[in-house]
Amino acid sequence: MKQKKSSRKERMKLPKHLQHINQYAAGIDIGSRSHFAAVPEGVDEQPVREFSTFTGDLERLAEWLISCGVTTVAMESTGVYWVDKALLFTAGAYGK
């Protein structure tokens, strides 16, 4: 008999005081030269990654978030560097 694959949610055992956290959320620290994105531990072998600010890299960032099952993104930014990312996530890669 085949064993049933466990879902990602079942594999991610968080401490009791963290179990209410959205496991499908990511955080992005947006800078003028690079962006650091983080997904919950256990979702990807490298849960924190750095991306440059060029369009191709932003598209790779969006594709990585989608592949990690991310449905919510929190962005921290000084200035207006967040605007094009918000547009990409709402109308670009996530809008497909």
Protein backbone atom coordinates (compact mmCIF):
# COMPACT_ATOMS: atom_id res chain seq x y z
CA MET A 1 0.00 0.00 0.00
CA LYS A 2 1.32 3.45 -0.89
CA GLN A 3 1.89 5.95 1.87
CA LYS A 4 0.01 9.18 1.57
CA LYS A 5 2.29 12.18 1.04
CA SER A 6 2.11 14.62 3.91
CA SER A 7 1.10 18.12 3.03
CA ARG A 8 3.49 21.02 3.52
CA LYS A 9 1.39 22.22 6.41
CA GLU A 10 1.73 18.83 8.15
CA ARG A 11 5.52 18.83 7.65
CA MET A 12 5.96 22.31 9.13
CA LYS A 13 5.70 21.79 12.87
CA LEU A 14 5.96 25.18 14.53
CA PRO A 15 6.37 25.78 18.24
CA LYS A 16 2.97 26.19 19.91
CA HIS A 17 3.41 29.96 20.42
CA LEU A 18 4.00 30.42 16.66
CA GLN A 19 1.27 28.19 15.25
CA HIS A 20 -1.07 31.10 14.49
CA ILE A 21 1.39 32.66 12.01
CA ASN A 22 0.51 32.65 8.31
CA GLN A 23 2.69 29.84 6.93
CA TYR A 24 2.15 31.07 3.37
CA ALA A 25 3.57 34.56 3.93
CA ALA A 26 6.92 36.03 2.92
CA GLY A 27 8.75 39.16 3.93
CA ILE A 28 10.82 41.36 1.64
CA ASP A 29 13.28 44.04 2.75
CA ILE A 30 13.38 46.36 -0.23
CA GLY A 31 16.50 48.42 -0.89
CA SER A 32 17.74 50.61 -3.71
CA ARG A 33 20.39 48.06 -4.84
CA SER A 34 19.05 44.70 -3.67
CA HIS A 35 16.12 43.04 -1.95
CA PHE A 36 16.19 40.32 0.67
CA ALA A 37 13.22 37.96 0.69
CA ALA A 38 12.40 35.39 3.36
CA VAL A 39 9.94 32.52 3.45
CA PRO A 40 9.16 30.33 6.49
CA GLU A 41 11.82 27.80 7.43
CA GLY A 42 11.14 24.37 5.95
CA VAL A 43 9.53 25.75 2.80
CA ASP A 44 12.79 26.01 0.85
CA GLU A 45 16.36 24.84 1.40
CA GLN A 46 17.46 28.48 1.29
CA PRO A 47 14.68 30.41 3.08
CA VAL A 48 16.38 33.81 2.72
CA ARG A 49 17.58 35.02 -0.66
CA GLU A 50 18.97 38.22 -2.12
CA PHE A 51 17.74 39.57 -5.45
CA SER A 52 19.01 42.56 -7.41
CA THR A 53 16.67 45.29 -8.59
CA PHE A 54 16.67 44.49 -12.31
CA THR A 55 13.43 43.34 -13.93
CA GLY A 56 14.65 39.79 -14.59
CA ASP A 57 15.65 39.39 -10.95
CA LEU A 58 12.31 40.72 -9.75
CA GLU A 59 10.57 38.18 -11.98
CA ARG A 60 12.78 35.43 -10.47
CA LEU A 61 11.78 36.69 -7.02
CA ALA A 62 8.09 36.45 -7.91
CA GLU A 63 8.56 32.97 -9.42
CA TRP A 64 10.42 31.80 -6.29
CA LEU A 65 7.64 33.08 -4.03
CA ILE A 66 5.04 31.29 -6.14
CA SER A 67 7.06 28.05 -6.08
CA CYS A 68 7.19 28.33 -2.27
CA GLY A 69 3.40 28.59 -2.10
CA VAL A 70 3.44 32.18 -0.85
CA THR A 71 0.08 33.94 -0.97
CA THR A 72 0.88 36.98 1.23
CA VAL A 73 3.87 39.32 1.03
CA ALA A 74 4.87 41.96 3.57
CA MET A 75 7.29 44.55 2.22
CA GLU A 76 9.51 46.95 4.17
CA SER A 77 10.87 49.86 2.20
CA THR A 78 12.24 53.34 2.61
CA GLY A 79 11.18 55.68 -0.14
CA VAL A 80 9.23 54.52 -3.18
CA TYR A 81 11.23 51.41 -4.04
CA TRP A 82 8.23 49.20 -3.19
CA VAL A 83 5.91 50.54 -5.91
CA ASP A 84 7.16 48.50 -8.90
CA LYS A 85 7.27 45.35 -6.75
CA ALA A 86 3.66 45.82 -5.70
CA LEU A 87 2.68 46.25 -9.34
CA LEU A 88 4.63 43.14 -10.34
CA PHE A 89 3.06 41.02 -7.60
CA THR A 90 -0.51 42.19 -8.21
CA ALA A 91 -0.55 42.42 -12.01
CA GLY A 92 2.54 40.52 -13.11
CA ALA A 93 3.61 37.08 -12.02
CA TYR A 94 0.88 36.64 -9.39
CA GLY A 95 -1.81 37.93 -11.74
CA LYS A 96 -1.30 35.09 -14.24
